[in-house]
Amino acid sequence: MCFAPWVSLATAIIEFIVATFILIRYRNYVVPVFSAVLVYVLGLYQFSEFMLCFTASPIFWATIGFIVYTFLPAIGLHMTFRFIGARFAKWTLYVLPVGFSLAALLNNNFVWEATCFKVYVIVKSVLFSNGNNVFTIIYLLYYFGFIALMFFILFKHLNDRDLSKIYLLWLIVGIITLAAPIFLIVIFPTLYSAFPSIYCEFGLGLTIAAVASSELYSRKRKKEKF
């Protein structure tokens, strides 16, 4: 029996509940609101995995899942810039994920295989096909480049007296969340196509960090206008 859909659904429900809690309890604080959005997106990806396994439209839901997790680095970096108070047109952070999402939606053959296994799903798409090296390189540069920049900014601001604990928390949890799936893929190369699924299963760590950092942030900052 494939229990992946029920694992994904349970995880999605937990993340939706936690995100709603953060949004209600810390609604007057900008950064916690962003962390709630991040957790909602993680939950939405888990829901897409549930639908991929449970419905007769796995390709459609695999495409939705791709679009959802494509926005994660942009949201995370946006939140990081809000942490440090950087001022610039932050909508530019979403140009690439919107472009990738449109490419997935407009290409009927973007995803050609989606398979549900016991604890993860495997999706084969144009992204990692041999004939689309340029597209793949640009996507990976965006995805891991944004994450690396986020880590760099947090590390650079660890000397901030007010928010150093929050930065350290996100750094540790973020590195573990990203490194664990990569470690598994190095050991088991056949899991390569399952990276997004495995990656987001470690997303509960980010959910815990979102709650903890929201509480710490609310103690350090006055109420803010979004």
C-alpha atoms as a PDB file:
ATOM      1  CA  MET A   1       0.000   0.000   0.000  1.00  0.00           C
ATOM      2  CA  CYS A   2       1.222   3.477  -0.830  1.00  0.00           C
ATOM      3  CA  PHE A   3       0.974   5.629   2.285  1.00  0.00           C
ATOM      4  CA  ALA A   4       2.729   8.637   0.758  1.00  0.00           C
ATOM      5  CA  PRO A   5      -0.562  10.500   0.158  1.00  0.00           C
ATOM      6  CA  TRP A   6      -1.573  10.187   3.808  1.00  0.00           C
ATOM      7  CA  VAL A   7       1.855  11.257   5.045  1.00  0.00           C
ATOM      8  CA  SER A   8       1.676  14.262   2.710  1.00  0.00           C
ATOM      9  CA  LEU A   9      -1.872  15.128   3.730  1.00  0.00           C
ATOM     10  CA  ALA A  10      -1.067  14.905   7.446  1.00  0.00           C
ATOM     11  CA  THR A  11       2.010  17.105   6.933  1.00  0.00           C
ATOM     12  CA  ALA A  12      -0.009  19.616   4.907  1.00  0.00           C
ATOM     13  CA  ILE A  13      -2.696  19.840   7.601  1.00  0.00           C
ATOM     14  CA  ILE A  14      -0.055  20.397  10.308  1.00  0.00           C
ATOM     15  CA  GLU A  15       1.630  23.111   8.251  1.00  0.00           C
ATOM     16  CA  PHE A  16      -1.659  24.846   7.416  1.00  0.00           C
ATOM     17  CA  ILE A  17      -2.627  24.867  11.103  1.00  0.00           C
ATOM     18  CA  VAL A  18       0.770  26.181  12.190  1.00  0.00           C
ATOM     19  CA  ALA A  19       0.810  28.867   9.475  1.00  0.00           C
ATOM     20  CA  THR A  20      -2.681  30.010  10.470  1.00  0.00           C
ATOM     21  CA  PHE A  21      -1.630  30.145  14.129  1.00  0.00           C
ATOM     22  CA  ILE A  22       1.387  32.313  13.245  1.00  0.00           C
ATOM     23  CA  LEU A  23      -0.715  34.557  11.023  1.00  0.00           C
ATOM     24  CA  ILE A  24      -3.297  35.142  13.768  1.00  0.00           C
ATOM     25  CA  ARG A  25      -0.995  35.402  16.780  1.00  0.00           C
ATOM     26  CA  TYR A  26       1.709  37.516  15.121  1.00  0.00           C
ATOM     27  CA  ARG A  27      -0.384  39.347  12.519  1.00  0.00           C
ATOM     28  CA  ASN A  28       1.064  42.723  13.560  1.00  0.00           C
ATOM     29  CA  TYR A  29       4.633  41.701  12.813  1.00  0.00           C
ATOM     30  CA  VAL A  30       5.960  41.710   9.261  1.00  0.00           C
ATOM     31  CA  VAL A  31       8.549  38.926   9.362  1.00  0.00           C
ATOM     32  CA  PRO A  32       6.315  36.361  11.127  1.00  0.00           C
ATOM     33  CA  VAL A  33       3.698  36.991   8.435  1.00  0.00           C
ATOM     34  CA  PHE A  34       6.314  36.115   5.808  1.00  0.00           C
ATOM     35  CA  SER A  35       7.267  32.975   7.721  1.00  0.00           C
ATOM     36  CA  ALA A  36       3.572  32.015   7.793  1.00  0.00           C
ATOM     37  CA  VAL A  37       3.417  32.424   4.005  1.00  0.00           C
ATOM     38  CA  LEU A  38       6.502  30.194   3.692  1.00  0.00           C
ATOM     39  CA  VAL A  39       4.838  27.486   5.804  1.00  0.00           C
ATOM     40  CA  TYR A  40       1.599  27.787   3.781  1.00  0.00           C
ATOM     41  CA  VAL A  41       3.613  27.204   0.599  1.00  0.00           C
ATOM     42  CA  LEU A  42       5.285  24.143   2.133  1.00  0.00           C
ATOM     43  CA  GLY A  43       1.842  22.842   3.080  1.00  0.00           C
ATOM     44  CA  LEU A  44       0.526  23.494  -0.406  1.00  0.00           C
ATOM     45  CA  TYR A  45       3.346  21.438  -1.877  1.00  0.00           C
ATOM     46  CA  GLN A  46       2.513  18.564   0.462  1.00  0.00           C
ATOM     47  CA  PHE A  47      -1.125  18.865  -0.593  1.00  0.00           C
ATOM     48  CA  SER A  48      -0.079  18.678  -4.254  1.00  0.00           C
ATOM     49  CA  GLU A  49       1.766  15.435  -3.464  1.00  0.00           C
ATOM     50  CA  PHE A  50      -1.365  14.054  -1.830  1.00  0.00           C
ATOM     51  CA  MET A  51      -3.413  14.931  -4.905  1.00  0.00           C
ATOM     52  CA  LEU A  52      -0.711  13.517  -7.207  1.00  0.00           C
ATOM     53  CA  CYS A  53      -0.953  10.151  -5.441  1.00  0.00           C
ATOM     54  CA  PHE A  54      -4.694  10.157  -4.779  1.00  0.00           C
ATOM     55  CA  THR A  55      -6.233  11.449  -8.000  1.00  0.00           C
ATOM     56  CA  ALA A  56      -6.220  10.457 -11.660  1.00  0.00           C
ATOM     57  CA  SER A  57      -4.340  13.644 -12.661  1.00  0.00           C
ATOM     58  CA  PRO A  58      -0.774  13.086 -11.402  1.00  0.00           C
ATOM     59  CA  ILE A  59       0.867  15.119 -14.185  1.00  0.00           C
ATOM     60  CA  PHE A  60      -1.288  18.156 -13.433  1.00  0.00           C
ATOM     61  CA  TRP A  61      -0.552  18.014  -9.705  1.00  0.00           C
ATOM     62  CA  ALA A  62       3.144  17.391 -10.337  1.00  0.00           C
ATOM     63  CA  THR A  63       3.163  20.623 -12.363  1.00  0.00           C
ATOM     64  CA  ILE A  64       1.395  22.462  -9.557  1.00  0.00           C
ATOM     65  CA  GLY A  65       3.937  21.065  -7.105  1.00  0.00           C
ATOM     66  CA  PHE A  66       6.801  22.322  -9.273  1.00  0.00           C
ATOM     67  CA  ILE A  67       5.290  25.811  -9.378  1.00  0.00           C
ATOM     68  CA  VAL A  68       4.774  25.829  -5.619  1.00  0.00           C
ATOM     69  CA  TYR A  69       8.286  24.817  -4.595  1.00  0.00           C
ATOM     70  CA  THR A  70       9.786  27.111  -7.244  1.00  0.00           C
ATOM     71  CA  PHE A  71       8.618  30.098  -5.191  1.00  0.00           C
ATOM     72  CA  LEU A  72      10.208  28.925  -1.927  1.00  0.00           C
ATOM     73  CA  PRO A  73      13.686  30.512  -2.444  1.00  0.00           C
ATOM     74  CA  ALA A  74      12.167  33.856  -3.478  1.00  0.00           C
ATOM     75  CA  ILE A  75       9.878  33.937  -0.432  1.00  0.00           C
ATOM     76  CA  GLY A  76      12.738  32.938   1.870  1.00  0.00           C
ATOM     77  CA  LEU A  77      15.067  35.605   0.472  1.00  0.00           C
ATOM     78  CA  HIS A  78      12.277  38.202   0.605  1.00  0.00           C
ATOM     79  CA  MET A  79      11.756  37.384   4.283  1.00  0.00           C
ATOM     80  CA  THR A  80      15.505  37.650   4.895  1.00  0.00           C
ATOM     81  CA  PHE A  81      15.641  41.115   3.320  1.00  0.00           C
ATOM     82  CA  ARG A  82      12.734  42.167   5.526  1.00  0.00           C
ATOM     83  CA  PHE A  83      14.679  40.901   8.533  1.00  0.00           C
ATOM     84  CA  ILE A  84      17.571  43.266   7.824  1.00  0.00           C
ATOM     85  CA  GLY A  85      15.382  46.111   6.559  1.00  0.00           C
ATOM     86  CA  ALA A  86      16.834  46.223   3.028  1.00  0.00           C
ATOM     87  CA  ARG A  87      15.004  48.648   0.773  1.00  0.00           C
ATOM     88  CA  PHE A  88      14.596  47.946  -2.947  1.00  0.00           C
ATOM     89  CA  ALA A  89      11.908  46.757  -5.367  1.00  0.00           C
ATOM     90  CA  LYS A  90      11.469  43.301  -3.848  1.00  0.00           C
ATOM     91  CA  TRP A  91       8.986  42.269  -6.537  1.00  0.00           C
ATOM     92  CA  THR A  92      12.068  41.677  -8.710  1.00  0.00           C
ATOM     93  CA  LEU A  93      12.784  38.595  -6.596  1.00  0.00           C
ATOM     94  CA  TYR A  94       9.728  36.943  -8.140  1.00  0.00           C
ATOM     95  CA  VAL A  95      10.537  37.558 -11.819  1.00  0.00           C
ATOM     96  CA  LEU A  96      12.396  34.261 -12.246  1.00  0.00           C
ATOM     97  CA  PRO A  97       9.941  32.012 -10.360  1.00  0.00           C
ATOM     98  CA  VAL A  98       7.041  33.544 -12.290  1.00  0.00           C
ATOM     99  CA  GLY A  99       8.919  32.892 -15.544  1.00  0.00           C
ATOM    100  CA  PHE A 100       9.638  29.276 -14.615  1.00  0.00           C
ATOM    101  CA  SER A 101       6.023  28.778 -13.566  1.00  0.00           C
ATOM    102  CA  LEU A 102       4.708  30.142 -16.847  1.00  0.00           C
ATOM    103  CA  ALA A 103       7.096  27.847 -18.722  1.00  0.00           C
ATOM    104  CA  ALA A 104       5.667  24.872 -16.816  1.00  0.00           C
ATOM    105  CA  LEU A 105       2.059  25.920 -17.405  1.00  0.00           C
ATOM    106  CA  LEU A 106       2.446  26.694 -21.100  1.00  0.00           C
ATOM    107  CA  ASN A 107       4.370  23.520 -21.955  1.00  0.00           C
ATOM    108  CA  ASN A 108       2.010  20.536 -22.001  1.00  0.00           C
ATOM    109  CA  ASN A 109       4.974  18.172 -21.899  1.00  0.00           C
ATOM    110  CA  PHE A 110       6.833  19.884 -19.077  1.00  0.00           C
ATOM    111  CA  VAL A 111       6.153  16.919 -16.767  1.00  0.00           C
ATOM    112  CA  TRP A 112       5.972  13.534 -18.482  1.00  0.00           C
ATOM    113  CA  GLU A 113       6.012  11.163 -15.520  1.00  0.00           C
ATOM    114  CA  ALA A 114       4.836  11.311 -11.915  1.00  0.00           C
ATOM    115  CA  THR A 115       4.993   8.274  -9.655  1.00  0.00           C
ATOM    116  CA  CYS A 116       3.883   7.846  -6.072  1.00  0.00           C
ATOM    117  CA  PHE A 117       6.118   5.732  -3.829  1.00  0.00           C
ATOM    118  CA  LYS A 118       5.730   4.863  -0.163  1.00  0.00           C
ATOM    119  CA  VAL A 119       7.229   7.982   1.436  1.00  0.00           C
ATOM    120  CA  TYR A 120       7.978  10.271  -1.518  1.00  0.00           C
ATOM    121  CA  VAL A 121       7.071  10.958  -5.124  1.00  0.00           C
ATOM    122  CA  ILE A 122       9.263  10.952  -8.231  1.00  0.00           C
ATOM    123  CA  VAL A 123       8.586  13.506 -10.945  1.00  0.00           C
ATOM    124  CA  LYS A 124      10.390  13.493 -14.293  1.00  0.00           C
ATOM    125  CA  SER A 125      10.223  16.736 -16.222  1.00  0.00           C
ATOM    126  CA  VAL A 126      11.855  18.957 -18.803  1.00  0.00           C
ATOM    127  CA  LEU A 127      13.841  20.532 -15.997  1.00  0.00           C
ATOM    128  CA  PHE A 128      16.211  17.608 -15.666  1.00  0.00           C
ATOM    129  CA  SER A 129      16.101  16.222 -19.196  1.00  0.00           C
ATOM    130  CA  ASN A 130      19.330  15.943 -21.183  1.00  0.00           C
ATOM    131  CA  GLY A 131      18.126  18.291 -23.909  1.00  0.00           C
ATOM    132  CA  ASN A 132      17.459  21.298 -21.679  1.00  0.00           C
ATOM    133  CA  ASN A 133      20.810  21.976 -20.034  1.00  0.00           C
ATOM    134  CA  VAL A 134      20.542  25.779 -20.278  1.00  0.00           C
ATOM    135  CA  PHE A 135      17.080  25.839 -18.698  1.00  0.00           C
ATOM    136  CA  THR A 136      18.279  23.493 -15.944  1.00  0.00           C
ATOM    137  CA  ILE A 137      21.404  25.535 -15.213  1.00  0.00           C
ATOM    138  CA  ILE A 138      19.430  28.791 -14.989  1.00  0.00           C
ATOM    139  CA  TYR A 139      16.873  27.168 -12.708  1.00  0.00           C
ATOM    140  CA  LEU A 140      19.502  25.668 -10.386  1.00  0.00           C
ATOM    141  CA  LEU A 141      21.438  28.956 -10.278  1.00  0.00           C
ATOM    142  CA  TYR A 142      18.231  30.715  -9.263  1.00  0.00           C
ATOM    143  CA  TYR A 143      17.160  28.100  -6.720  1.00  0.00           C
ATOM    144  CA  PHE A 144      20.403  27.450  -4.895  1.00  0.00           C
ATOM    145  CA  GLY A 145      21.751  30.939  -5.584  1.00  0.00           C
ATOM    146  CA  PHE A 146      18.865  32.544  -3.712  1.00  0.00           C
ATOM    147  CA  ILE A 147      19.233  30.061  -0.854  1.00  0.00           C
ATOM    148  CA  ALA A 148      22.996  30.663  -0.667  1.00  0.00           C
ATOM    149  CA  LEU A 149      22.428  34.437  -0.631  1.00  0.00           C
ATOM    150  CA  MET A 150      19.891  34.022   2.159  1.00  0.00           C
ATOM    151  CA  PHE A 151      22.395  32.013   4.219  1.00  0.00           C
ATOM    152  CA  PHE A 152      25.132  34.569   3.514  1.00  0.00           C
ATOM    153  CA  ILE A 153      22.961  37.493   4.657  1.00  0.00           C
ATOM    154  CA  LEU A 154      21.902  35.701   7.855  1.00  0.00           C
ATOM    155  CA  PHE A 155      25.504  34.733   8.623  1.00  0.00           C
ATOM    156  CA  LYS A 156      26.732  38.257   7.951  1.00  0.00           C
ATOM    157  CA  HIS A 157      24.212  39.679  10.444  1.00  0.00           C
ATOM    158  CA  LEU A 158      24.834  37.220  13.265  1.00  0.00           C
ATOM    159  CA  ASN A 159      26.333  40.062  15.300  1.00  0.00           C
ATOM    160  CA  ASP A 160      22.925  41.785  15.443  1.00  0.00           C
ATOM    161  CA  ARG A 161      22.166  41.989  19.171  1.00  0.00           C
ATOM    162  CA  ASP A 162      18.398  41.862  18.806  1.00  0.00           C
ATOM    163  CA  LEU A 163      17.946  39.198  16.148  1.00  0.00           C
ATOM    164  CA  SER A 164      21.132  37.086  16.274  1.00  0.00           C
ATOM    165  CA  LYS A 165      19.295  34.107  17.824  1.00  0.00           C
ATOM    166  CA  ILE A 166      16.683  34.224  15.070  1.00  0.00           C
ATOM    167  CA  TYR A 167      19.305  34.398  12.334  1.00  0.00           C
ATOM    168  CA  LEU A 168      21.237  31.505  13.890  1.00  0.00           C
ATOM    169  CA  LEU A 169      18.047  29.445  14.196  1.00  0.00           C
ATOM    170  CA  TRP A 170      17.132  29.904  10.513  1.00  0.00           C
ATOM    171  CA  LEU A 171      20.731  29.214   9.463  1.00  0.00           C
ATOM    172  CA  ILE A 172      20.970  25.930  11.357  1.00  0.00           C
ATOM    173  CA  VAL A 173      17.518  24.660  10.408  1.00  0.00           C
ATOM    174  CA  GLY A 174      17.886  25.829   6.796  1.00  0.00           C
ATOM    175  CA  ILE A 175      21.253  24.123   6.329  1.00  0.00           C
ATOM    176  CA  ILE A 176      20.006  20.870   7.872  1.00  0.00           C
ATOM    177  CA  THR A 177      16.820  20.959   5.787  1.00  0.00           C
ATOM    178  CA  LEU A 178      18.788  21.450   2.579  1.00  0.00           C
ATOM    179  CA  ALA A 179      21.755  19.211   3.377  1.00  0.00           C
ATOM    180  CA  ALA A 180      19.832  16.125   4.522  1.00  0.00           C
ATOM    181  CA  PRO A 181      18.131  15.418   1.146  1.00  0.00           C
ATOM    182  CA  ILE A 182      21.378  16.113  -0.725  1.00  0.00           C
ATOM    183  CA  PHE A 183      23.154  13.628   1.553  1.00  0.00           C
ATOM    184  CA  LEU A 184      20.504  10.999   0.836  1.00  0.00           C
ATOM    185  CA  ILE A 185      20.811  11.551  -2.912  1.00  0.00           C
ATOM    186  CA  VAL A 186      24.602  11.195  -2.753  1.00  0.00           C
ATOM    187  CA  ILE A 187      24.128   7.827  -1.031  1.00  0.00           C
ATOM    188  CA  PHE A 188      21.167   6.783  -3.188  1.00  0.00           C
ATOM    189  CA  PRO A 189      21.523   8.445  -6.642  1.00  0.00           C
ATOM    190  CA  THR A 190      18.248   6.874  -7.781  1.00  0.00           C
ATOM    191  CA  LEU A 191      16.457   9.382  -5.543  1.00  0.00           C
ATOM    192  CA  TYR A 192      17.625  12.260  -7.792  1.00  0.00           C
ATOM    193  CA  SER A 193      14.168  12.798  -9.303  1.00  0.00           C
ATOM    194  CA  ALA A 194      12.620  12.664  -5.829  1.00  0.00           C
ATOM    195  CA  PHE A 195      14.683  15.579  -4.449  1.00  0.00           C
ATOM    196  CA  PRO A 196      11.800  18.116  -4.206  1.00  0.00           C
ATOM    197  CA  SER A 197       9.631  15.565  -2.422  1.00  0.00           C
ATOM    198  CA  ILE A 198      12.336  14.541   0.067  1.00  0.00           C
ATOM    199  CA  TYR A 199      13.404  18.172   0.514  1.00  0.00           C
ATOM    200  CA  CYS A 200       9.909  19.280   1.487  1.00  0.00           C
ATOM    201  CA  GLU A 201       9.459  16.345   3.861  1.00  0.00           C
ATOM    202  CA  PHE A 202      12.240  17.911   5.914  1.00  0.00           C
ATOM    203  CA  GLY A 203      10.236  21.148   5.715  1.00  0.00           C
ATOM    204  CA  LEU A 204       8.715  20.478   9.132  1.00  0.00           C
ATOM    205  CA  GLY A 205      11.999  21.762  10.494  1.00  0.00           C
ATOM    206  CA  LEU A 206      11.327  25.094   8.780  1.00  0.00           C
ATOM    207  CA  THR A 207       7.830  25.047  10.275  1.00  0.00           C
ATOM    208  CA  ILE A 208       9.283  24.700  13.777  1.00  0.00           C
ATOM    209  CA  ALA A 209      11.778  27.481  13.035  1.00  0.00           C
ATOM    210  CA  ALA A 210       8.925  29.699  11.823  1.00  0.00           C
ATOM    211  CA  VAL A 211       7.053  29.349  15.118  1.00  0.00           C
ATOM    212  CA  ALA A 212      10.125  29.807  17.300  1.00  0.00           C
ATOM    213  CA  SER A 213      11.464  32.779  15.335  1.00  0.00           C
ATOM    214  CA  SER A 214       8.031  34.454  15.261  1.00  0.00           C
ATOM    215  CA  GLU A 215       7.862  34.336  19.051  1.00  0.00           C
ATOM    216  CA  LEU A 216      11.418  35.649  19.413  1.00  0.00           C
ATOM    217  CA  TYR A 217      10.766  38.385  16.840  1.00  0.00           C
ATOM    218  CA  SER A 218       7.594  39.557  18.578  1.00  0.00           C
ATOM    219  CA  ARG A 219       9.568  39.999  21.800  1.00  0.00           C
ATOM    220  CA  LYS A 220      12.253  42.087  20.096  1.00  0.00           C
ATOM    221  CA  ARG A 221      10.174  44.285  17.819  1.00  0.00           C
ATOM    222  CA  LYS A 222       7.264  46.648  18.207  1.00  0.00           C
ATOM    223  CA  LYS A 223       4.132  46.096  16.189  1.00  0.00           C
ATOM    224  CA  GLU A 224       4.675  46.926  12.514  1.00  0.00           C
ATOM    225  CA  LYS A 225       2.636  47.875   9.517  1.00  0.00           C
ATOM    226  CA  PHE A 226       2.759  45.319   6.727  1.00  0.00           C
END
